[in-house]
């Protein structure tokens, strides 16, 4: 009987041959796994299992998880820079609105970027040594200069961009955390009952989702900040 059970066991998956994996494949695999479990919970042994590779093969390219994260951050920052150029035609407020709508879509569709570029700092892009990357300040200088050319003074230009960045980054963080929580417990929902919460229960019955993470909520906040920026510009003019 024991012999038959042994014979019917599922064969073990074969590991990849040593040297058959590349650094790019490791980074790709890390992105895929981190999207499911978060960068914080990413580990080299878990990544090795995902890639059907030995852990030592990963350490051949990346001596530590932090080195791997640095490679992931470099790639994330490159993707961020390519996806969100602050350019285009139209009035300054139209360009700003489009920019931050793009930012929301980028972090929503690429949750690992949120882990790598927002979660560690809550307000900027940091390099592997914990310092704000020079490329971030260069990008910020360009944006501030563009707004100055549109009539803002330097402080108001930076305050405007920072306030909208915080709105967008905070929204991305909440959306990422909500997504991870939903993956852990897909059946979880708001504890609402009609007797004690008639208004909320009515909204749920009408199809309204009781969550902050909704496109129109994001745009309400974005437009409110743009309206404030228009008033600031009008006062300074």
Protein backbone atom coordinates (compact mmCIF):
# COMPACT_ATOMS: atom_id res chain seq x y z
CA UNK A 1 0.00 0.00 0.00
CA UNK A 2 2.75 2.44 0.97
CA UNK A 3 4.53 1.53 -2.28
CA UNK A 4 1.45 2.49 -4.31
CA UNK A 5 1.09 5.83 -2.51
CA UNK A 6 4.69 6.65 -3.25
CA UNK A 7 4.23 5.76 -6.89
CA UNK A 8 1.24 8.11 -7.28
CA UNK A 9 2.77 11.17 -5.61
CA UNK A 10 3.07 14.31 -7.72
CA UNK A 11 6.61 14.53 -9.06
CA UNK A 12 8.72 17.32 -7.63
CA UNK A 13 9.21 20.32 -9.87
CA UNK A 14 12.64 20.42 -11.38
CA UNK A 15 14.82 23.35 -10.45
CA UNK A 16 16.39 25.37 -13.20
CA UNK A 17 19.97 24.54 -14.01
CA UNK A 18 22.58 26.75 -12.37
CA UNK A 19 23.39 29.68 -14.62
CA UNK A 20 20.15 29.43 -16.59
CA UNK A 21 18.59 32.51 -14.96
CA UNK A 22 19.42 36.15 -15.63
CA UNK A 23 19.34 39.27 -13.49
CA UNK A 24 16.48 40.62 -15.59
CA UNK A 25 14.44 37.48 -15.00
CA UNK A 26 15.05 37.80 -11.27
CA UNK A 27 13.83 41.41 -11.24
CA UNK A 28 10.80 40.43 -13.37
CA UNK A 29 9.99 37.60 -10.99
CA UNK A 30 10.41 39.87 -7.99
CA UNK A 31 7.94 42.36 -9.48
CA UNK A 32 5.41 39.60 -10.14
CA UNK A 33 5.67 38.14 -6.65
CA UNK A 34 5.72 41.51 -4.88
CA UNK A 35 2.54 42.54 -6.72
CA UNK A 36 0.80 39.67 -4.93
CA UNK A 37 2.31 39.89 -1.46
CA UNK A 38 3.97 43.38 -1.28
CA UNK A 39 7.63 44.35 -1.42
CA UNK A 40 7.79 44.29 2.38
CA UNK A 41 6.99 40.55 2.46
CA UNK A 42 9.18 39.67 -0.51
CA UNK A 43 12.00 37.31 0.45
CA UNK A 44 14.80 35.67 -1.47
CA UNK A 45 13.68 32.10 -0.61
CA UNK A 46 10.10 32.86 -1.73
CA UNK A 47 11.39 34.41 -4.93
CA UNK A 48 13.61 31.38 -5.58
CA UNK A 49 10.57 29.12 -5.27
CA UNK A 50 8.61 31.33 -7.68
CA UNK A 51 11.43 31.12 -10.22
CA UNK A 52 12.11 27.38 -9.69
CA UNK A 53 15.66 28.34 -8.84
CA UNK A 54 18.07 27.84 -5.98
CA UNK A 55 18.51 30.74 -3.58
CA UNK A 56 22.24 30.72 -4.24
CA UNK A 57 21.53 31.46 -7.92
CA UNK A 58 19.76 34.66 -6.87
CA UNK A 59 22.59 35.66 -4.58
CA UNK A 60 25.01 35.26 -7.48
CA UNK A 61 23.43 38.39 -9.00
CA UNK A 62 22.14 40.17 -5.88
CA UNK A 63 24.06 39.75 -2.63
CA UNK A 64 21.07 40.77 -0.52
CA UNK A 65 17.41 41.63 -0.72
CA UNK A 66 18.37 45.29 -0.46
CA UNK A 67 20.51 45.02 -3.60
CA UNK A 68 17.55 43.46 -5.40
CA UNK A 69 15.30 46.26 -4.15
CA UNK A 70 17.76 48.84 -5.47
CA UNK A 71 17.53 47.24 -8.92
CA UNK A 72 13.75 47.21 -8.64
CA UNK A 73 13.72 50.88 -7.57
CA UNK A 74 15.91 51.86 -10.51
CA UNK A 75 13.51 50.17 -12.87
CA UNK A 76 10.48 51.64 -11.10
CA UNK A 77 11.89 55.16 -11.27
CA UNK A 78 12.66 54.74 -14.98
CA UNK A 79 9.09 53.56 -15.60
CA UNK A 80 7.77 56.49 -13.56
CA UNK A 81 9.83 59.01 -15.51
CA UNK A 82 8.77 57.60 -18.88
CA UNK A 83 5.09 57.35 -17.98
CA UNK A 84 4.70 60.78 -16.36
CA UNK A 85 6.39 63.52 -18.37
CA UNK A 86 5.13 66.96 -17.35
CA UNK A 87 4.53 68.17 -20.87
CA UNK A 88 1.70 68.86 -23.25
CA UNK A 89 -0.46 71.66 -24.53
CA UNK A 90 -3.25 73.49 -22.77
CA UNK A 91 -3.52 75.66 -19.69
CA UNK A 92 -1.39 74.88 -16.63
CA UNK A 93 -4.36 73.49 -14.70
CA UNK A 94 -5.28 71.16 -17.58
CA UNK A 95 -1.71 69.86 -17.73
CA UNK A 96 -1.57 69.38 -13.96
CA UNK A 97 -4.90 67.56 -13.92
CA UNK A 98 -3.81 65.25 -16.73
CA UNK A 99 -0.48 64.62 -15.02
CA UNK A 100 -2.06 63.49 -11.77
CA UNK A 101 -4.73 61.42 -13.46
CA UNK A 102 -1.87 59.63 -15.22
CA UNK A 103 -0.10 59.22 -11.88
CA UNK A 104 -3.19 57.64 -10.35
CA UNK A 105 -3.53 55.22 -13.28
CA UNK A 106 0.17 54.32 -13.12
CA UNK A 107 0.13 53.38 -9.43
CA UNK A 108 -3.23 51.64 -9.73
CA UNK A 109 -2.09 49.47 -12.63
CA UNK A 110 1.43 48.87 -11.23
CA UNK A 111 1.03 48.36 -7.47
CA UNK A 112 4.69 47.45 -6.97
CA UNK A 113 5.61 50.99 -7.99
CA UNK A 114 3.62 52.18 -5.00
CA UNK A 115 5.61 49.87 -2.70
CA UNK A 116 8.93 51.00 -4.12
CA UNK A 117 8.39 54.72 -4.70
CA UNK A 118 5.82 55.79 -2.11
CA UNK A 119 5.54 53.38 0.81
CA UNK A 120 9.10 53.81 2.19
CA UNK A 121 8.87 57.59 2.34
CA UNK A 122 5.26 58.73 1.99
CA UNK A 123 6.47 61.85 0.19
CA UNK A 124 9.14 61.16 -2.37
CA UNK A 125 11.36 58.77 -4.28
CA UNK A 126 14.37 57.57 -2.30
CA UNK A 127 17.47 55.79 -3.48
CA UNK A 128 18.96 52.74 -1.80
CA UNK A 129 20.82 54.85 0.75
CA UNK A 130 17.65 56.56 1.97
CA UNK A 131 18.33 59.87 0.25
CA UNK A 132 16.00 61.65 -2.11
CA UNK A 133 17.29 60.86 -5.58
CA UNK A 134 18.86 63.69 -7.55
CA UNK A 135 16.70 62.79 -10.52
CA UNK A 136 13.61 63.55 -8.41
CA UNK A 137 14.82 67.06 -7.63
CA UNK A 138 15.75 67.67 -11.25
CA UNK A 139 12.25 66.68 -12.29
CA UNK A 140 10.77 68.88 -9.57
CA UNK A 141 12.87 71.84 -10.72
CA UNK A 142 11.47 71.47 -14.24
CA UNK A 143 7.88 71.35 -12.98
CA UNK A 144 8.32 74.37 -10.69
CA UNK A 145 9.93 76.34 -13.51
CA UNK A 146 7.01 75.51 -15.79
CA UNK A 147 4.51 76.78 -13.21
CA UNK A 148 6.61 79.91 -12.59
CA UNK A 149 6.42 80.65 -16.31
CA UNK A 150 2.64 80.36 -15.99
CA UNK A 151 2.62 83.12 -13.35
CA UNK A 152 3.13 81.37 -9.98
CA UNK A 153 5.83 82.50 -7.61
CA UNK A 154 8.28 79.74 -6.69
CA UNK A 155 6.79 78.94 -3.29
CA UNK A 156 3.22 78.76 -4.55
CA UNK A 157 4.34 76.61 -7.48
CA UNK A 158 6.03 74.11 -5.19
CA UNK A 159 3.18 74.15 -2.65
CA UNK A 160 0.68 73.48 -5.43
CA UNK A 161 2.61 70.55 -6.82
CA UNK A 162 3.37 69.10 -3.39
CA UNK A 163 -0.26 69.28 -2.25
CA UNK A 164 -1.45 67.47 -5.36
CA UNK A 165 1.37 64.93 -5.08
CA UNK A 166 0.40 64.17 -1.49
CA UNK A 167 -3.22 63.69 -2.52
CA UNK A 168 -2.19 61.32 -5.30
CA UNK A 169 0.40 59.39 -3.29
CA UNK A 170 -1.89 59.03 -0.29
CA UNK A 171 -4.64 57.71 -2.52
CA UNK A 172 -2.22 55.22 -4.09
CA UNK A 173 -1.11 53.97 -0.67
CA UNK A 174 -4.70 53.43 0.47
CA UNK A 175 -5.55 51.65 -2.76
CA UNK A 176 -2.54 49.36 -2.45
CA UNK A 177 -3.39 48.45 1.14
CA UNK A 178 -7.02 47.86 0.24
CA UNK A 179 -5.97 45.60 -2.62
CA UNK A 180 -3.70 43.52 -0.40
CA UNK A 181 -6.43 43.24 2.25
CA UNK A 182 -8.97 42.12 -0.37
CA UNK A 183 -6.54 39.48 -1.62
CA UNK A 184 -6.21 38.11 1.92
CA UNK A 185 -9.98 38.07 2.55
CA UNK A 186 -12.06 38.50 -0.64
CA UNK A 187 -15.33 38.03 1.27
CA UNK A 188 -14.77 40.90 3.71
CA UNK A 189 -17.25 43.77 3.45
CA UNK A 190 -18.44 46.80 5.44
CA UNK A 191 -20.42 45.86 8.60
CA UNK A 192 -23.54 47.82 7.64
CA UNK A 193 -27.12 47.03 8.62
CA UNK A 194 -30.29 48.93 7.72
CA UNK A 195 -31.58 49.30 11.27
CA UNK A 196 -28.63 51.19 12.74
CA UNK A 197 -27.17 52.69 9.53
CA UNK A 198 -30.10 53.40 7.18
CA UNK A 199 -28.26 55.94 5.03
CA UNK A 200 -25.23 53.77 4.44
CA UNK A 201 -27.35 50.67 3.93
CA UNK A 202 -29.43 52.56 1.38
CA UNK A 203 -26.33 53.60 -0.53
CA UNK A 204 -25.08 50.01 -0.60
CA UNK A 205 -28.44 48.86 -1.94
CA UNK A 206 -28.16 51.50 -4.67
CA UNK A 207 -24.80 50.04 -5.68
CA UNK A 208 -22.53 52.58 -3.97
CA UNK A 209 -19.24 51.17 -2.72
CA UNK A 210 -18.38 52.20 0.83
CA UNK A 211 -14.71 52.84 0.18
CA UNK A 212 -12.53 55.89 -0.23
CA UNK A 213 -10.88 54.34 -3.27
CA UNK A 214 -13.07 55.46 -6.14
CA UNK A 215 -12.22 57.45 -9.25
CA UNK A 216 -14.74 60.21 -8.61
CA UNK A 217 -13.50 60.65 -5.02
CA UNK A 218 -9.96 61.08 -6.32
CA UNK A 219 -11.12 63.65 -8.87
CA UNK A 220 -13.15 65.61 -6.31
CA UNK A 221 -10.00 66.10 -4.25
CA UNK A 222 -7.87 66.86 -7.30
CA UNK A 223 -10.29 69.48 -8.59
CA UNK A 224 -10.57 71.10 -5.15
CA UNK A 225 -6.79 71.52 -5.03
CA UNK A 226 -6.76 72.93 -8.56
CA UNK A 227 -9.47 75.45 -7.62
CA UNK A 228 -7.36 76.57 -4.65
CA UNK A 229 -4.32 76.91 -6.92
CA UNK A 230 -6.32 79.08 -9.36
CA UNK A 231 -7.31 81.38 -6.48
CA UNK A 232 -3.70 81.55 -5.30
CA UNK A 233 -2.54 82.51 -8.79
CA UNK A 234 -5.26 85.13 -9.10
CA UNK A 235 -4.23 86.76 -5.80
CA UNK A 236 -0.56 86.85 -6.77
CA UNK A 237 -1.40 88.32 -10.18
